[in-house]
Amino acid sequence: MTEPSISTPIEINAIKKMLPHRYPFLLIDRVIAYTLEPKRTLTATKNVTINEPFFTGHFPDDPIMPGVLILESMAQACGLLANVAKAMSKPGADVYYLVKIDKAKFNRKVIPGDQLVLEVEQTRLMRGLGQYVCCATVNGQRTASCEILCAENQ
């Protein structure tokens, strides 16, 4: 018997089944790739447009995506990876909560018209806690990176 799989790309309607977030806080538009062996990784995208509600108040004359929302988009990618991995063994999505962010670093601005590429790798899973290394890029240039710890809702 072969293991079930989720085909890529994973589009927005499937993403909404795996994440509890909704507009304006759903910050993932598409999952373009994932692996479960030998490493658990996921690559997702967020298309940044001038219509984002945060641009009206976050440096309106020089709109940039808030760093905390870049971190949140990486955390949502971690939740998607956890749910994709879990979907192979059990149907239905679980909620994962952000527990801790370490080593956050910002390298360049994210502006309207950019496509944020989010790459996450699960480095550890123990007792419902997942540890992830995350990187966000635009056009191949690093915009932000961090380590994230998420907890499964028990």
Protein backbone atom coordinates (compact mmCIF):
# COMPACT_ATOMS: atom_id res chain seq x y z
CA MET A 1 0.00 0.00 0.00
CA THR A 2 1.39 3.41 -0.95
CA GLU A 3 1.28 6.38 1.39
CA PRO A 4 -1.25 9.10 0.55
CA SER A 5 0.22 12.30 -0.81
CA ILE A 6 -0.82 15.87 -1.35
CA SER A 7 0.08 17.14 -4.80
CA THR A 8 1.75 20.47 -5.40
CA PRO A 9 1.13 23.21 -5.96
CA ILE A 10 -1.21 23.47 -2.98
CA GLU A 11 -3.65 26.25 -3.84
CA ILE A 12 -5.49 28.67 -1.56
CA ASN A 13 -8.65 26.59 -0.97
CA ALA A 14 -6.58 23.64 0.28
CA ILE A 15 -4.41 26.02 2.35
CA LYS A 16 -7.56 27.38 4.02
CA LYS A 17 -8.40 23.81 5.07
CA MET A 18 -5.01 23.50 6.78
CA LEU A 19 -4.70 26.93 8.43
CA PRO A 20 -7.27 28.70 10.62
CA HIS A 21 -6.25 32.18 9.36
CA ARG A 22 -8.46 34.27 7.09
CA TYR A 23 -8.25 37.67 5.39
CA PRO A 24 -6.50 39.90 6.22
CA PHE A 25 -4.27 37.57 8.22
CA LEU A 26 -3.83 34.61 5.88
CA LEU A 27 -0.34 35.31 4.56
CA ILE A 28 0.29 32.30 2.30
CA ASP A 29 -0.97 32.24 -1.29
CA ARG A 30 0.46 28.95 -2.54
CA VAL A 31 2.66 26.04 -1.52
CA ILE A 32 4.97 25.29 -4.42
CA ALA A 33 6.91 22.34 -2.98
CA TYR A 34 7.39 20.16 0.06
CA THR A 35 9.43 17.13 1.07
CA LEU A 36 8.95 14.74 3.98
CA GLU A 37 12.04 12.54 3.48
CA PRO A 38 14.92 12.76 4.16
CA LYS A 39 14.10 16.22 5.54
CA ARG A 40 10.76 17.89 6.16
CA THR A 41 10.76 21.09 4.11
CA LEU A 42 8.16 23.35 2.54
CA THR A 43 8.36 26.26 0.10
CA ALA A 44 5.44 28.69 -0.13
CA THR A 45 4.74 32.09 -1.65
CA LYS A 46 3.07 35.31 -0.57
CA ASN A 47 2.28 37.83 -3.29
CA VAL A 48 2.63 41.30 -1.80
CA THR A 49 0.29 43.90 -3.33
CA ILE A 50 -0.38 47.56 -2.60
CA ASN A 51 -3.92 46.50 -1.60
CA GLU A 52 -2.63 44.92 1.63
CA PRO A 53 -4.44 46.63 4.54
CA PHE A 54 -1.21 47.26 6.49
CA PHE A 55 0.22 49.54 3.78
CA THR A 56 -2.24 52.34 4.61
CA GLY A 57 -0.62 52.82 8.00
CA HIS A 58 2.87 51.32 7.78
CA PHE A 59 5.04 54.00 6.17
CA PRO A 60 2.29 55.03 3.71
CA ASP A 61 4.65 57.27 1.70
CA ASP A 62 7.24 54.46 1.45
CA PRO A 63 5.20 51.25 1.87
CA ILE A 64 7.08 48.28 3.30
CA MET A 65 5.72 45.02 4.67
CA PRO A 66 6.00 44.98 8.48
CA GLY A 67 8.70 42.63 9.75
CA VAL A 68 6.32 40.99 12.19
CA LEU A 69 4.10 39.96 9.27
CA ILE A 70 7.08 38.46 7.45
CA LEU A 71 7.76 36.43 10.62
CA GLU A 72 4.07 35.49 10.80
CA SER A 73 4.12 34.33 7.17
CA MET A 74 7.09 32.07 7.98
CA ALA A 75 5.19 30.74 11.03
CA GLN A 76 2.17 29.98 8.84
CA ALA A 77 4.45 28.08 6.45
CA CYS A 78 5.64 26.04 9.46
CA GLY A 79 2.00 25.25 10.33
CA LEU A 80 1.39 24.15 6.76
CA LEU A 81 4.41 21.84 6.82
CA ALA A 82 3.21 20.30 10.08
CA ASN A 83 -0.27 19.75 8.63
CA VAL A 84 1.02 18.33 5.33
CA ALA A 85 3.20 15.88 7.26
CA LYS A 86 0.36 14.93 9.60
CA ALA A 87 -2.12 14.53 6.71
CA MET A 88 -0.11 11.54 5.56
CA SER A 89 -1.12 9.63 8.70
CA LYS A 90 -4.34 11.27 9.91
CA PRO A 91 -7.05 13.26 8.11
CA GLY A 92 -8.03 16.74 9.28
CA ALA A 93 -5.96 19.81 10.09
CA ASP A 94 -4.51 20.65 13.47
CA VAL A 95 -3.83 24.12 14.85
CA TYR A 96 -0.25 25.00 15.74
CA TYR A 97 0.61 27.94 17.96
CA LEU A 98 3.68 30.10 17.69
CA VAL A 99 5.71 29.58 20.88
CA LYS A 100 9.04 31.26 20.25
CA ILE A 101 11.08 33.08 17.62
CA ASP A 102 14.88 33.11 17.85
CA LYS A 103 17.64 34.63 15.74
CA ALA A 104 15.27 36.86 13.72
CA LYS A 105 17.15 38.92 11.18
CA PHE A 106 15.92 41.28 8.47
CA ASN A 107 18.08 41.90 5.40
CA ARG A 108 15.99 43.95 2.96
CA LYS A 109 12.62 45.63 2.58
CA VAL A 110 9.58 43.84 1.14
CA ILE A 111 7.54 46.23 -0.99
CA PRO A 112 4.37 46.07 -3.10
CA GLY A 113 4.92 43.96 -6.20
CA ASP A 114 7.34 41.56 -4.47
CA GLN A 115 6.73 37.84 -4.24
CA LEU A 116 7.90 36.57 -0.88
CA VAL A 117 9.26 33.02 -1.10
CA LEU A 118 9.10 31.27 2.27
CA GLU A 119 11.31 28.25 2.91
CA VAL A 120 10.96 26.29 6.15
CA GLU A 121 12.66 23.15 7.40
CA GLN A 122 11.59 21.17 10.44
CA THR A 123 14.74 20.39 12.41
CA ARG A 124 13.15 18.73 15.44
CA LEU A 125 9.82 17.28 16.55
CA MET A 126 9.27 16.22 20.14
CA ARG A 127 6.12 15.94 22.29
CA GLY A 128 4.01 18.15 20.05
CA LEU A 129 6.69 20.83 19.67
CA GLY A 130 8.21 21.47 16.27
CA GLN A 131 11.39 23.45 15.71
CA TYR A 132 11.95 25.10 12.31
CA VAL A 133 14.62 27.03 10.45
CA CYS A 134 13.00 29.63 8.20
CA CYS A 135 14.10 31.93 5.40
CA ALA A 136 12.18 34.49 3.32
CA THR A 137 13.53 35.70 -0.02
CA VAL A 138 12.52 38.00 -2.85
CA ASN A 139 14.11 37.38 -6.26
CA GLY A 140 16.63 35.08 -4.62
CA GLN A 141 17.75 37.73 -2.10
CA ARG A 142 17.29 36.97 1.58
CA THR A 143 14.80 39.33 3.21
CA ALA A 144 14.48 37.68 6.62
CA SER A 145 15.40 34.55 8.54
CA CYS A 146 14.67 33.07 11.94
CA GLU A 147 14.18 29.94 14.00
CA ILE A 148 10.62 29.17 15.10
CA LEU A 149 9.17 26.88 17.75
CA CYS A 150 5.51 25.86 17.33
CA ALA A 151 3.26 23.80 19.59
CA GLU A 152 0.45 21.52 18.47
CA ASN A 153 -2.91 22.36 20.03
CA GLN A 154 -3.59 19.57 22.51
